[in-house]
Amino acid sequence: MARPYLVGDWVVYTREKYSPSPGPRAKNVSPALHGELYSYEVDKYWAVREVRNQQELVLETRRGKVHSVPIRDSRLRKPSLWERLFYSNRFPSSKIQSNQQSNDRNDQHSSSSDALPES
């Protein structure tokens, strides 16, 4: 059995797109019936932000967008060693874990400072 996804893990999600001009990272490109658009796939390099009941992942992009994806989605996979080494700049930074830790610290700090009397 594969290792479960954890918060902060990098993932690759293959997204299907449609446009009149596919970009350089497009793969499996095929024209539409009337030739106006192309359908293609693009690998998206995201990070796990949250795991919900081992059934669903909340994923975050480099720019902070959030997507919810079933864990068993066939378009979701863990990155290969090659992708981890050469495409590391395409994944979100490790701020996901540090943001959660700092939020936890802020919550603890604010609850302790609430108990102080006002001067």
PDB file of N, CA and C in Angstrom:
ATOM      1  N   MET A   1       0.839  -1.186   0.000  1.00  0.00           N
ATOM      2  CA  MET A   1       0.000   0.000   0.000  1.00  0.00           C
ATOM      3  C   MET A   1       0.881   1.245   0.000  1.00  0.00           C
ATOM      4  N   ALA A   2       0.488   2.234  -0.752  1.00  0.00           N
ATOM      5  CA  ALA A   2       1.266   3.465  -0.859  1.00  0.00           C
ATOM      6  C   ALA A   2       1.142   4.283   0.427  1.00  0.00           C
ATOM      7  N   ARG A   3       2.155   5.066   0.690  1.00  0.00           N
ATOM      8  CA  ARG A   3       2.158   5.941   1.861  1.00  0.00           C
ATOM      9  C   ARG A   3       1.018   6.962   1.723  1.00  0.00           C
ATOM     10  N   PRO A   4       0.271   7.202   2.782  1.00  0.00           N
ATOM     11  CA  PRO A   4      -0.829   8.168   2.689  1.00  0.00           C
ATOM     12  C   PRO A   4      -0.291   9.590   2.482  1.00  0.00           C
ATOM     13  N   TYR A   5      -1.146  10.444   1.992  1.00  0.00           N
ATOM     14  CA  TYR A   5      -0.772  11.840   1.796  1.00  0.00           C
ATOM     15  C   TYR A   5      -0.769  12.558   3.145  1.00  0.00           C
ATOM     16  N   LEU A   6       0.217  13.407   3.326  1.00  0.00           N
ATOM     17  CA  LEU A   6       0.336  14.207   4.541  1.00  0.00           C
ATOM     18  C   LEU A   6       0.333  15.683   4.166  1.00  0.00           C
ATOM     19  N   VAL A   7      -0.027  16.531   5.112  1.00  0.00           N
ATOM     20  CA  VAL A   7      -0.014  17.977   4.884  1.00  0.00           C
ATOM     21  C   VAL A   7       1.403  18.393   4.512  1.00  0.00           C
ATOM     22  N   GLY A   8       1.528  19.157   3.445  1.00  0.00           N
ATOM     23  CA  GLY A   8       2.827  19.623   2.976  1.00  0.00           C
ATOM     24  C   GLY A   8       3.410  18.771   1.861  1.00  0.00           C
ATOM     25  N   ASP A   9       2.862  17.564   1.637  1.00  0.00           N
ATOM     26  CA  ASP A   9       3.359  16.712   0.550  1.00  0.00           C
ATOM     27  C   ASP A   9       3.125  17.375  -0.797  1.00  0.00           C
ATOM     28  N   TRP A  10       4.068  17.201  -1.692  1.00  0.00           N
ATOM     29  CA  TRP A  10       3.890  17.666  -3.064  1.00  0.00           C
ATOM     30  C   TRP A  10       3.132  16.616  -3.853  1.00  0.00           C
ATOM     31  N   VAL A  11       2.254  17.076  -4.747  1.00  0.00           N
ATOM     32  CA  VAL A  11       1.511  16.176  -5.619  1.00  0.00           C
ATOM     33  C   VAL A  11       1.499  16.751  -7.030  1.00  0.00           C
ATOM     34  N   VAL A  12       1.259  15.868  -7.990  1.00  0.00           N
ATOM     35  CA  VAL A  12       1.094  16.286  -9.380  1.00  0.00           C
ATOM     36  C   VAL A  12      -0.335  15.925  -9.773  1.00  0.00           C
ATOM     37  N   TYR A  13      -1.060  16.896 -10.273  1.00  0.00           N
ATOM     38  CA  TYR A  13      -2.430  16.685 -10.718  1.00  0.00           C
ATOM     39  C   TYR A  13      -2.486  16.982 -12.209  1.00  0.00           C
ATOM     40  N   THR A  14      -2.934  16.016 -13.001  1.00  0.00           N
ATOM     41  CA  THR A  14      -3.035  16.196 -14.449  1.00  0.00           C
ATOM     42  C   THR A  14      -4.400  16.779 -14.758  1.00  0.00           C
ATOM     43  N   ARG A  15      -4.397  17.990 -15.268  1.00  0.00           N
ATOM     44  CA  ARG A  15      -5.635  18.718 -15.526  1.00  0.00           C
ATOM     45  C   ARG A  15      -5.919  18.767 -17.016  1.00  0.00           C
ATOM     46  N   GLU A  16      -7.159  18.520 -17.396  1.00  0.00           N
ATOM     47  CA  GLU A  16      -7.561  18.621 -18.801  1.00  0.00           C
ATOM     48  C   GLU A  16      -7.965  20.059 -19.089  1.00  0.00           C
ATOM     49  N   LYS A  17      -7.476  20.577 -20.208  1.00  0.00           N
ATOM     50  CA  LYS A  17      -7.761  21.964 -20.569  1.00  0.00           C
ATOM     51  C   LYS A  17      -8.173  22.052 -22.033  1.00  0.00           C
ATOM     52  N   TYR A  18      -8.774  23.180 -22.381  1.00  0.00           N
ATOM     53  CA  TYR A  18      -9.200  23.468 -23.754  1.00  0.00           C
ATOM     54  C   TYR A  18      -8.830  24.905 -24.081  1.00  0.00           C
ATOM     55  N   SER A  19      -8.213  25.117 -25.227  1.00  0.00           N
ATOM     56  CA  SER A  19      -7.896  26.482 -25.658  1.00  0.00           C
ATOM     57  C   SER A  19      -7.523  26.473 -27.132  1.00  0.00           C
ATOM     58  N   PRO A  20      -7.502  27.653 -27.756  1.00  0.00           N
ATOM     59  CA  PRO A  20      -7.114  27.726 -29.170  1.00  0.00           C
ATOM     60  C   PRO A  20      -5.615  27.519 -29.389  1.00  0.00           C
ATOM     61  N   SER A  21      -4.814  27.716 -28.332  1.00  0.00           N
ATOM     62  CA  SER A  21      -3.367  27.521 -28.495  1.00  0.00           C
ATOM     63  C   SER A  21      -2.770  26.902 -27.226  1.00  0.00           C
ATOM     64  N   PRO A  22      -2.488  25.606 -27.245  1.00  0.00           N
ATOM     65  CA  PRO A  22      -1.899  24.945 -26.068  1.00  0.00           C
ATOM     66  C   PRO A  22      -0.509  25.491 -25.761  1.00  0.00           C
ATOM     67  N   GLY A  23      -0.170  25.514 -24.501  1.00  0.00           N
ATOM     68  CA  GLY A  23       1.133  26.012 -24.069  1.00  0.00           C
ATOM     69  C   GLY A  23       2.227  24.968 -24.246  1.00  0.00           C
ATOM     70  N   PRO A  24       3.459  25.331 -23.919  1.00  0.00           N
ATOM     71  CA  PRO A  24       4.596  24.431 -24.110  1.00  0.00           C
ATOM     72  C   PRO A  24       4.578  23.192 -23.210  1.00  0.00           C
ATOM     73  N   ARG A  25       3.864  23.244 -22.084  1.00  0.00           N
ATOM     74  CA  ARG A  25       3.803  22.088 -21.183  1.00  0.00           C
ATOM     75  C   ARG A  25       2.635  21.155 -21.503  1.00  0.00           C
ATOM     76  N   ALA A  26       1.899  21.435 -22.561  1.00  0.00           N
ATOM     77  CA  ALA A  26       0.741  20.609 -22.934  1.00  0.00           C
ATOM     78  C   ALA A  26       1.189  19.242 -23.426  1.00  0.00           C
ATOM     79  N   LYS A  27       0.400  18.229 -23.072  1.00  0.00           N
ATOM     80  CA  LYS A  27       0.661  16.879 -23.573  1.00  0.00           C
ATOM     81  C   LYS A  27      -0.673  16.266 -23.985  1.00  0.00           C
ATOM     82  N   ASN A  28      -0.609  15.209 -24.794  1.00  0.00           N
ATOM     83  CA  ASN A  28      -1.811  14.560 -25.326  1.00  0.00           C
ATOM     84  C   ASN A  28      -2.730  15.566 -26.022  1.00  0.00           C
ATOM     85  N   VAL A  29      -2.153  16.379 -26.887  1.00  0.00           N
ATOM     86  CA  VAL A  29      -2.886  17.428 -27.589  1.00  0.00           C
ATOM     87  C   VAL A  29      -3.689  16.811 -28.731  1.00  0.00           C
ATOM     88  N   SER A  30      -4.975  17.189 -28.808  1.00  0.00           N
ATOM     89  CA  SER A  30      -5.799  16.738 -29.936  1.00  0.00           C
ATOM     90  C   SER A  30      -6.763  17.859 -30.324  1.00  0.00           C
ATOM     91  N   PRO A  31      -6.981  18.060 -31.640  1.00  0.00           N
ATOM     92  CA  PRO A  31      -7.874  19.138 -32.085  1.00  0.00           C
ATOM     93  C   PRO A  31      -9.339  18.764 -31.887  1.00  0.00           C
ATOM     94  N   ALA A  32     -10.166  19.784 -31.723  1.00  0.00           N
ATOM     95  CA  ALA A  32     -11.611  19.578 -31.651  1.00  0.00           C
ATOM     96  C   ALA A  32     -12.126  19.239 -33.043  1.00  0.00           C
ATOM     97  N   LEU A  33     -13.374  18.805 -33.120  1.00  0.00           N
ATOM     98  CA  LEU A  33     -13.943  18.366 -34.403  1.00  0.00           C
ATOM     99  C   LEU A  33     -13.860  19.436 -35.488  1.00  0.00           C
ATOM    100  N   HIS A  34     -14.161  20.659 -35.153  1.00  0.00           N
ATOM    101  CA  HIS A  34     -14.161  21.730 -36.150  1.00  0.00           C
ATOM    102  C   HIS A  34     -12.854  22.525 -36.157  1.00  0.00           C
ATOM    103  N   GLY A  35     -11.891  22.111 -35.389  1.00  0.00           N
ATOM    104  CA  GLY A  35     -10.567  22.707 -35.431  1.00  0.00           C
ATOM    105  C   GLY A  35     -10.406  24.051 -34.765  1.00  0.00           C
ATOM    106  N   GLU A  36     -11.398  24.503 -33.986  1.00  0.00           N
ATOM    107  CA  GLU A  36     -11.296  25.807 -33.348  1.00  0.00           C
ATOM    108  C   GLU A  36     -10.523  25.754 -32.036  1.00  0.00           C
ATOM    109  N   LEU A  37     -10.609  24.643 -31.350  1.00  0.00           N
ATOM    110  CA  LEU A  37      -9.943  24.484 -30.055  1.00  0.00           C
ATOM    111  C   LEU A  37      -9.130  23.199 -30.036  1.00  0.00           C
ATOM    112  N   TYR A  38      -8.260  23.117 -29.045  1.00  0.00           N
ATOM    113  CA  TYR A  38      -7.504  21.902 -28.785  1.00  0.00           C
ATOM    114  C   TYR A  38      -7.830  21.436 -27.371  1.00  0.00           C
ATOM    115  N   SER A  39      -7.904  20.150 -27.189  1.00  0.00           N
ATOM    116  CA  SER A  39      -7.982  19.607 -25.835  1.00  0.00           C
ATOM    117  C   SER A  39      -6.615  19.019 -25.529  1.00  0.00           C
ATOM    118  N   TYR A  40      -6.189  19.176 -24.293  1.00  0.00           N
ATOM    119  CA  TYR A  40      -4.858  18.713 -23.908  1.00  0.00           C
ATOM    120  C   TYR A  40      -4.795  18.576 -22.395  1.00  0.00           C
ATOM    121  N   GLU A  41      -3.719  18.012 -21.923  1.00  0.00           N
ATOM    122  CA  GLU A  41      -3.494  17.847 -20.491  1.00  0.00           C
ATOM    123  C   GLU A  41      -2.250  18.612 -20.073  1.00  0.00           C
ATOM    124  N   VAL A  42      -2.293  19.122 -18.852  1.00  0.00           N
ATOM    125  CA  VAL A  42      -1.160  19.840 -18.286  1.00  0.00           C
ATOM    126  C   VAL A  42      -0.966  19.339 -16.857  1.00  0.00           C
ATOM    127  N   ASP A  43       0.260  19.050 -16.486  1.00  0.00           N
ATOM    128  CA  ASP A  43       0.554  18.655 -15.117  1.00  0.00           C
ATOM    129  C   ASP A  43       0.629  19.894 -14.241  1.00  0.00           C
ATOM    130  N   LYS A  44      -0.101  19.840 -13.139  1.00  0.00           N
ATOM    131  CA  LYS A  44      -0.103  20.933 -12.163  1.00  0.00           C
ATOM    132  C   LYS A  44       0.642  20.453 -10.924  1.00  0.00           C
ATOM    133  N   TYR A  45       1.503  21.280 -10.413  1.00  0.00           N
ATOM    134  CA  TYR A  45       2.363  20.922  -9.294  1.00  0.00           C
ATOM    135  C   TYR A  45       1.858  21.641  -8.049  1.00  0.00           C
ATOM    136  N   TRP A  46       1.163  20.891  -7.196  1.00  0.00           N
ATOM    137  CA  TRP A  46       0.500  21.455  -6.029  1.00  0.00           C
ATOM    138  C   TRP A  46       1.011  20.806  -4.753  1.00  0.00           C
ATOM    139  N   ALA A  47       0.559  21.327  -3.622  1.00  0.00           N
ATOM    140  CA  ALA A  47       0.918  20.769  -2.310  1.00  0.00           C
ATOM    141  C   ALA A  47      -0.350  20.481  -1.521  1.00  0.00           C
ATOM    142  N   VAL A  48      -0.285  19.470  -0.671  1.00  0.00           N
ATOM    143  CA  VAL A  48      -1.426  19.105   0.165  1.00  0.00           C
ATOM    144  C   VAL A  48      -1.546  20.119   1.293  1.00  0.00           C
ATOM    145  N   ARG A  49      -2.704  20.736   1.385  1.00  0.00           N
ATOM    146  CA  ARG A  49      -2.965  21.710   2.435  1.00  0.00           C
ATOM    147  C   ARG A  49      -3.722  21.068   3.597  1.00  0.00           C
ATOM    148  N   GLU A  50      -4.586  20.096   3.253  1.00  0.00           N
ATOM    149  CA  GLU A  50      -5.408  19.449   4.278  1.00  0.00           C
ATOM    150  C   GLU A  50      -5.843  18.080   3.763  1.00  0.00           C
ATOM    151  N   VAL A  51      -5.955  17.112   4.666  1.00  0.00           N
ATOM    152  CA  VAL A  51      -6.480  15.792   4.348  1.00  0.00           C
ATOM    153  C   VAL A  51      -7.787  15.649   5.105  1.00  0.00           C
ATOM    154  N   ARG A  52      -8.878  15.401   4.368  1.00  0.00           N
ATOM    155  CA  ARG A  52     -10.201  15.298   4.992  1.00  0.00           C
ATOM    156  C   ARG A  52     -10.657  13.841   5.022  1.00  0.00           C
ATOM    157  N   ASN A  53     -10.704  13.255   6.202  1.00  0.00           N
ATOM    158  CA  ASN A  53     -11.220  11.893   6.420  1.00  0.00           C
ATOM    159  C   ASN A  53     -10.600  10.847   5.509  1.00  0.00           C
ATOM    160  N   GLN A  54      -9.366  11.019   5.129  1.00  0.00           N
ATOM    161  CA  GLN A  54      -8.667  10.093   4.227  1.00  0.00           C
ATOM    162  C   GLN A  54      -9.479   9.817   2.956  1.00  0.00           C
ATOM    163  N   GLN A  55     -10.356  10.735   2.572  1.00  0.00           N
ATOM    164  CA  GLN A  55     -11.176  10.589   1.375  1.00  0.00           C
ATOM    165  C   GLN A  55     -10.936  11.714   0.375  1.00  0.00           C
ATOM    166  N   GLU A  56     -10.512  12.858   0.878  1.00  0.00           N
ATOM    167  CA  GLU A  56     -10.405  14.040   0.038  1.00  0.00           C
ATOM    168  C   GLU A  56      -9.171  14.842   0.436  1.00  0.00           C
ATOM    169  N   LEU A  57      -8.528  15.423  -0.568  1.00  0.00           N
ATOM    170  CA  LEU A  57      -7.376  16.295  -0.321  1.00  0.00           C
ATOM    171  C   LEU A  57      -7.740  17.723  -0.684  1.00  0.00           C
ATOM    172  N   VAL A  58      -7.294  18.643   0.121  1.00  0.00           N
ATOM    173  CA  VAL A  58      -7.371  20.058  -0.219  1.00  0.00           C
ATOM    174  C   VAL A  58      -5.969  20.428  -0.664  1.00  0.00           C
ATOM    175  N   LEU A  59      -5.857  20.860  -1.923  1.00  0.00           N
ATOM    176  CA  LEU A  59      -4.553  21.144  -2.523  1.00  0.00           C
ATOM    177  C   LEU A  59      -4.394  22.639  -2.734  1.00  0.00           C
ATOM    178  N   GLU A  60      -3.155  23.111  -2.639  1.00  0.00           N
ATOM    179  CA  GLU A  60      -2.868  24.536  -2.808  1.00  0.00           C
ATOM    180  C   GLU A  60      -1.863  24.734  -3.927  1.00  0.00           C
ATOM    181  N   THR A  61      -2.120  25.749  -4.752  1.00  0.00           N
ATOM    182  CA  THR A  61      -1.224  26.089  -5.851  1.00  0.00           C
ATOM    183  C   THR A  61      -0.145  27.041  -5.357  1.00  0.00           C
ATOM    184  N   ARG A  62       0.813  27.346  -6.235  1.00  0.00           N
ATOM    185  CA  ARG A  62       1.867  28.305  -5.872  1.00  0.00           C
ATOM    186  C   ARG A  62       1.302  29.674  -5.551  1.00  0.00           C
ATOM    187  N   ARG A  63       0.219  30.039  -6.195  1.00  0.00           N
ATOM    188  CA  ARG A  63      -0.355  31.371  -6.000  1.00  0.00           C
ATOM    189  C   ARG A  63      -1.435  31.412  -4.933  1.00  0.00           C
ATOM    190  N   GLY A  64      -1.629  30.286  -4.238  1.00  0.00           N
ATOM    191  CA  GLY A  64      -2.563  30.275  -3.116  1.00  0.00           C
ATOM    192  C   GLY A  64      -3.973  29.819  -3.430  1.00  0.00           C
ATOM    193  N   LYS A  65      -4.258  29.443  -4.675  1.00  0.00           N
ATOM    194  CA  LYS A  65      -5.586  28.916  -4.984  1.00  0.00           C
ATOM    195  C   LYS A  65      -5.741  27.556  -4.322  1.00  0.00           C
ATOM    196  N   VAL A  66      -6.988  27.215  -3.988  1.00  0.00           N
ATOM    197  CA  VAL A  66      -7.256  25.969  -3.287  1.00  0.00           C
ATOM    198  C   VAL A  66      -8.199  25.106  -4.130  1.00  0.00           C
ATOM    199  N   HIS A  67      -7.879  23.821  -4.233  1.00  0.00           N
ATOM    200  CA  HIS A  67      -8.691  22.859  -4.979  1.00  0.00           C
ATOM    201  C   HIS A  67      -8.948  21.652  -4.094  1.00  0.00           C
ATOM    202  N   SER A  68     -10.151  21.095  -4.196  1.00  0.00           N
ATOM    203  CA  SER A  68     -10.512  19.906  -3.442  1.00  0.00           C
ATOM    204  C   SER A  68     -10.600  18.731  -4.417  1.00  0.00           C
ATOM    205  N   VAL A  69      -9.895  17.630  -4.102  1.00  0.00           N
ATOM    206  CA  VAL A  69      -9.779  16.498  -5.024  1.00  0.00           C
ATOM    207  C   VAL A  69      -9.939  15.198  -4.231  1.00  0.00           C
ATOM    208  N   PRO A  70     -10.719  14.235  -4.762  1.00  0.00           N
ATOM    209  CA  PRO A  70     -10.797  12.934  -4.082  1.00  0.00           C
ATOM    210  C   PRO A  70      -9.430  12.253  -4.079  1.00  0.00           C
ATOM    211  N   ILE A  71      -9.103  11.577  -2.991  1.00  0.00           N
ATOM    212  CA  ILE A  71      -7.803  10.912  -2.869  1.00  0.00           C
ATOM    213  C   ILE A  71      -7.614   9.869  -3.961  1.00  0.00           C
ATOM    214  N   ARG A  72      -8.670   9.204  -4.378  1.00  0.00           N
ATOM    215  CA  ARG A  72      -8.573   8.122  -5.353  1.00  0.00           C
ATOM    216  C   ARG A  72      -8.679   8.604  -6.813  1.00  0.00           C
ATOM    217  N   ASP A  73      -8.608   9.904  -7.035  1.00  0.00           N
ATOM    218  CA  ASP A  73      -8.660  10.450  -8.399  1.00  0.00           C
ATOM    219  C   ASP A  73      -7.468   9.928  -9.200  1.00  0.00           C
ATOM    220  N   SER A  74      -7.740   9.356 -10.356  1.00  0.00           N
ATOM    221  CA  SER A  74      -6.665   8.760 -11.165  1.00  0.00           C
ATOM    222  C   SER A  74      -5.709   9.809 -11.738  1.00  0.00           C
ATOM    223  N   ARG A  75      -6.104  11.074 -11.728  1.00  0.00           N
ATOM    224  CA  ARG A  75      -5.235  12.139 -12.248  1.00  0.00           C
ATOM    225  C   ARG A  75      -4.285  12.681 -11.193  1.00  0.00           C
ATOM    226  N   LEU A  76      -4.401  12.180  -9.964  1.00  0.00           N
ATOM    227  CA  LEU A  76      -3.571  12.619  -8.845  1.00  0.00           C
ATOM    228  C   LEU A  76      -2.470  11.591  -8.597  1.00  0.00           C
ATOM    229  N   ARG A  77      -1.255  12.084  -8.438  1.00  0.00           N
ATOM    230  CA  ARG A  77      -0.144  11.168  -8.149  1.00  0.00           C
ATOM    231  C   ARG A  77       0.946  11.916  -7.394  1.00  0.00           C
ATOM    232  N   LYS A  78       1.854  11.134  -6.827  1.00  0.00           N
ATOM    233  CA  LYS A  78       3.016  11.725  -6.169  1.00  0.00           C
ATOM    234  C   LYS A  78       4.078  12.007  -7.230  1.00  0.00           C
ATOM    235  N   PRO A  79       4.853  13.052  -7.069  1.00  0.00           N
ATOM    236  CA  PRO A  79       5.867  13.381  -8.080  1.00  0.00           C
ATOM    237  C   PRO A  79       7.009  12.361  -8.079  1.00  0.00           C
ATOM    238  N   SER A  80       7.561  12.161  -9.261  1.00  0.00           N
ATOM    239  CA  SER A  80       8.733  11.285  -9.376  1.00  0.00           C
ATOM    240  C   SER A  80       9.950  12.018  -8.827  1.00  0.00           C
ATOM    241  N   LEU A  81      11.006  11.279  -8.616  1.00  0.00           N
ATOM    242  CA  LEU A  81      12.251  11.888  -8.143  1.00  0.00           C
ATOM    243  C   LEU A  81      12.716  12.961  -9.126  1.00  0.00           C
ATOM    244  N   TRP A  82      12.602  12.670 -10.406  1.00  0.00           N
ATOM    245  CA  TRP A  82      12.972  13.620 -11.456  1.00  0.00           C
ATOM    246  C   TRP A  82      12.197  14.935 -11.298  1.00  0.00           C
ATOM    247  N   GLU A  83      10.890  14.836 -11.116  1.00  0.00           N
ATOM    248  CA  GLU A  83      10.059  16.037 -10.961  1.00  0.00           C
ATOM    249  C   GLU A  83      10.415  16.794  -9.685  1.00  0.00           C
ATOM    250  N   ARG A  84      10.692  16.071  -8.622  1.00  0.00           N
ATOM    251  CA  ARG A  84      11.055  16.726  -7.364  1.00  0.00           C
ATOM    252  C   ARG A  84      12.356  17.513  -7.508  1.00  0.00           C
ATOM    253  N   LEU A  85      13.290  16.958  -8.265  1.00  0.00           N
ATOM    254  CA  LEU A  85      14.586  17.634  -8.434  1.00  0.00           C
ATOM    255  C   LEU A  85      14.530  18.788  -9.429  1.00  0.00           C
ATOM    256  N   PHE A  86      13.970  18.527 -10.594  1.00  0.00           N
ATOM    257  CA  PHE A  86      14.052  19.513 -11.681  1.00  0.00           C
ATOM    258  C   PHE A  86      12.888  20.490 -11.735  1.00  0.00           C
ATOM    259  N   TYR A  87      11.759  20.142 -11.118  1.00  0.00           N
ATOM    260  CA  TYR A  87      10.601  21.036 -11.148  1.00  0.00           C
ATOM    261  C   TYR A  87      10.238  21.551  -9.764  1.00  0.00           C
ATOM    262  N   SER A  88      11.180  21.547  -8.841  1.00  0.00           N
ATOM    263  CA  SER A  88      10.874  21.968  -7.471  1.00  0.00           C
ATOM    264  C   SER A  88      10.359  23.408  -7.412  1.00  0.00           C
ATOM    265  N   ASN A  89      10.760  24.238  -8.363  1.00  0.00           N
ATOM    266  CA  ASN A  89      10.300  25.634  -8.376  1.00  0.00           C
ATOM    267  C   ASN A  89       8.838  25.755  -8.796  1.00  0.00           C
ATOM    268  N   ARG A  90       8.255  24.700  -9.355  1.00  0.00           N
ATOM    269  CA  ARG A  90       6.848  24.734  -9.768  1.00  0.00           C
ATOM    270  C   ARG A  90       5.903  24.377  -8.634  1.00  0.00           C
ATOM    271  N   PHE A  91       6.425  23.787  -7.570  1.00  0.00           N
ATOM    272  CA  PHE A  91       5.604  23.429  -6.425  1.00  0.00           C
ATOM    273  C   PHE A  91       5.495  24.627  -5.499  1.00  0.00           C
ATOM    274  N   PRO A  92       4.403  24.680  -4.700  1.00  0.00           N
ATOM    275  CA  PRO A  92       4.326  25.743  -3.699  1.00  0.00           C
ATOM    276  C   PRO A  92       5.475  25.609  -2.711  1.00  0.00           C
ATOM    277  N   SER A  93       5.877  26.721  -2.124  1.00  0.00           N
ATOM    278  CA  SER A  93       6.949  26.668  -1.130  1.00  0.00           C
ATOM    279  C   SER A  93       6.451  25.921   0.100  1.00  0.00           C
ATOM    280  N   SER A  94       7.331  25.647   1.004  1.00  0.00           N
ATOM    281  CA  SER A  94       6.958  24.887   2.198  1.00  0.00           C
ATOM    282  C   SER A  94       6.236  25.752   3.218  1.00  0.00           C
ATOM    283  N   LYS A  95       5.690  26.876   2.797  1.00  0.00           N
ATOM    284  CA  LYS A  95       4.997  27.776   3.718  1.00  0.00           C
ATOM    285  C   LYS A  95       3.700  27.181   4.251  1.00  0.00           C
ATOM    286  N   ILE A  96       3.183  26.129   3.625  1.00  0.00           N
ATOM    287  CA  ILE A  96       1.924  25.538   4.084  1.00  0.00           C
ATOM    288  C   ILE A  96       2.081  25.036   5.513  1.00  0.00           C
ATOM    289  N   GLN A  97       3.121  24.256   5.766  1.00  0.00           N
ATOM    290  CA  GLN A  97       3.339  23.745   7.111  1.00  0.00           C
ATOM    291  C   GLN A  97       3.713  24.875   8.062  1.00  0.00           C
ATOM    292  N   SER A  98       4.561  25.793   7.620  1.00  0.00           N
ATOM    293  CA  SER A  98       4.988  26.873   8.505  1.00  0.00           C
ATOM    294  C   SER A  98       3.822  27.801   8.816  1.00  0.00           C
ATOM    295  N   ASN A  99       2.898  28.027   7.867  1.00  0.00           N
ATOM    296  CA  ASN A  99       1.724  28.855   8.129  1.00  0.00           C
ATOM    297  C   ASN A  99       0.836  28.207   9.188  1.00  0.00           C
ATOM    298  N   GLN A 100       0.641  26.895   9.080  1.00  0.00           N
ATOM    299  CA  GLN A 100      -0.193  26.214  10.066  1.00  0.00           C
ATOM    300  C   GLN A 100       0.458  26.266  11.446  1.00  0.00           C
ATOM    301  N   GLN A 101       1.775  26.084  11.496  1.00  0.00           N
ATOM    302  CA  GLN A 101       2.466  26.126  12.776  1.00  0.00           C
ATOM    303  C   GLN A 101       2.415  27.522  13.377  1.00  0.00           C
ATOM    304  N   SER A 102       2.584  28.561  12.548  1.00  0.00           N
ATOM    305  CA  SER A 102       2.542  29.924  13.074  1.00  0.00           C
ATOM    306  C   SER A 102       1.124  30.295  13.505  1.00  0.00           C
ATOM    307  N   ASN A 103       0.102  29.785  12.788  1.00  0.00           N
ATOM    308  CA  ASN A 103      -1.277  30.029  13.204  1.00  0.00           C
ATOM    309  C   ASN A 103      -1.539  29.378  14.558  1.00  0.00           C
ATOM    310  N   ASP A 104      -1.018  28.170  14.757  1.00  0.00           N
ATOM    311  CA  ASP A 104      -1.170  27.497  16.040  1.00  0.00           C
ATOM    312  C   ASP A 104      -0.494  28.309  17.149  1.00  0.00           C
ATOM    313  N   ARG A 105       0.723  28.809  16.861  1.00  0.00           N
ATOM    314  CA  ARG A 105       1.445  29.615  17.849  1.00  0.00           C
ATOM    315  C   ARG A 105       0.685  30.903  18.139  1.00  0.00           C
ATOM    316  N   ASN A 106       0.136  31.545  17.096  1.00  0.00           N
ATOM    317  CA  ASN A 106      -0.618  32.783  17.299  1.00  0.00           C
ATOM    318  C   ASN A 106      -1.853  32.537  18.143  1.00  0.00           C
ATOM    319  N   ASP A 107      -2.531  31.400  17.913  1.00  0.00           N
ATOM    320  CA  ASP A 107      -3.715  31.074  18.695  1.00  0.00           C
ATOM    321  C   ASP A 107      -3.335  30.888  20.164  1.00  0.00           C
ATOM    322  N   GLN A 108      -2.222  30.197  20.421  1.00  0.00           N
ATOM    323  CA  GLN A 108      -1.773  29.991  21.786  1.00  0.00           C
ATOM    324  C   GLN A 108      -1.382  31.318  22.424  1.00  0.00           C
ATOM    325  N   HIS A 109      -0.686  32.164  21.647  1.00  0.00           N
ATOM    326  CA  HIS A 109      -0.232  33.456  22.164  1.00  0.00           C
ATOM    327  C   HIS A 109      -1.421  34.365  22.475  1.00  0.00           C
ATOM    328  N   SER A 110      -2.403  34.414  21.580  1.00  0.00           N
ATOM    329  CA  SER A 110      -3.547  35.300  21.789  1.00  0.00           C
ATOM    330  C   SER A 110      -4.394  34.823  22.960  1.00  0.00           C
ATOM    331  N   SER A 111      -4.515  33.509  23.150  1.00  0.00           N
ATOM    332  CA  SER A 111      -5.306  33.026  24.278  1.00  0.00           C
ATOM    333  C   SER A 111      -4.607  33.321  25.600  1.00  0.00           C
ATOM    334  N   SER A 112      -3.275  33.280  25.630  1.00  0.00           N
ATOM    335  CA  SER A 112      -2.552  33.594  26.862  1.00  0.00           C
ATOM    336  C   SER A 112      -2.551  35.091  27.124  1.00  0.00           C
ATOM    337  N   SER A 113      -2.529  35.913  26.085  1.00  0.00           N
ATOM    338  CA  SER A 113      -2.526  37.352  26.288  1.00  0.00           C
ATOM    339  C   SER A 113      -3.923  37.869  26.641  1.00  0.00           C
ATOM    340  N   ASP A 114      -4.964  37.092  26.313  1.00  0.00           N
ATOM    341  CA  ASP A 114      -6.325  37.484  26.687  1.00  0.00           C
ATOM    342  C   ASP A 114      -6.524  37.429  28.199  1.00  0.00           C
ATOM    343  N   ALA A 115      -5.741  36.573  28.854  1.00  0.00           N
ATOM    344  CA  ALA A 115      -5.894  36.404  30.294  1.00  0.00           C
ATOM    345  C   ALA A 115      -5.234  37.530  31.074  1.00  0.00           C
ATOM    346  N   LEU A 116      -4.391  38.333  30.451  1.00  0.00           N
ATOM    347  CA  LEU A 116      -3.700  39.432  31.145  1.00  0.00           C
ATOM    348  C   LEU A 116      -4.657  40.578  31.414  1.00  0.00           C
ATOM    349  N   PRO A 117      -4.570  41.187  32.586  1.00  0.00           N
ATOM    350  CA  PRO A 117      -5.435  42.349  32.856  1.00  0.00           C
ATOM    351  C   PRO A 117      -4.975  43.553  32.064  1.00  0.00           C
ATOM    352  N   GLU A 118      -5.925  44.406  31.745  1.00  0.00           N
ATOM    353  CA  GLU A 118      -5.597  45.615  30.981  1.00  0.00           C
ATOM    354  C   GLU A 118      -4.959  46.635  31.895  1.00  0.00           C
ATOM    355  N   SER A 119      -4.034  47.456  31.367  1.00  0.00           N
ATOM    356  CA  SER A 119      -3.382  48.482  32.176  1.00  0.00           C
ATOM    357  C   SER A 119      -4.001  49.822  31.923  1.00  0.00           C
TER     358      SER A 119
END
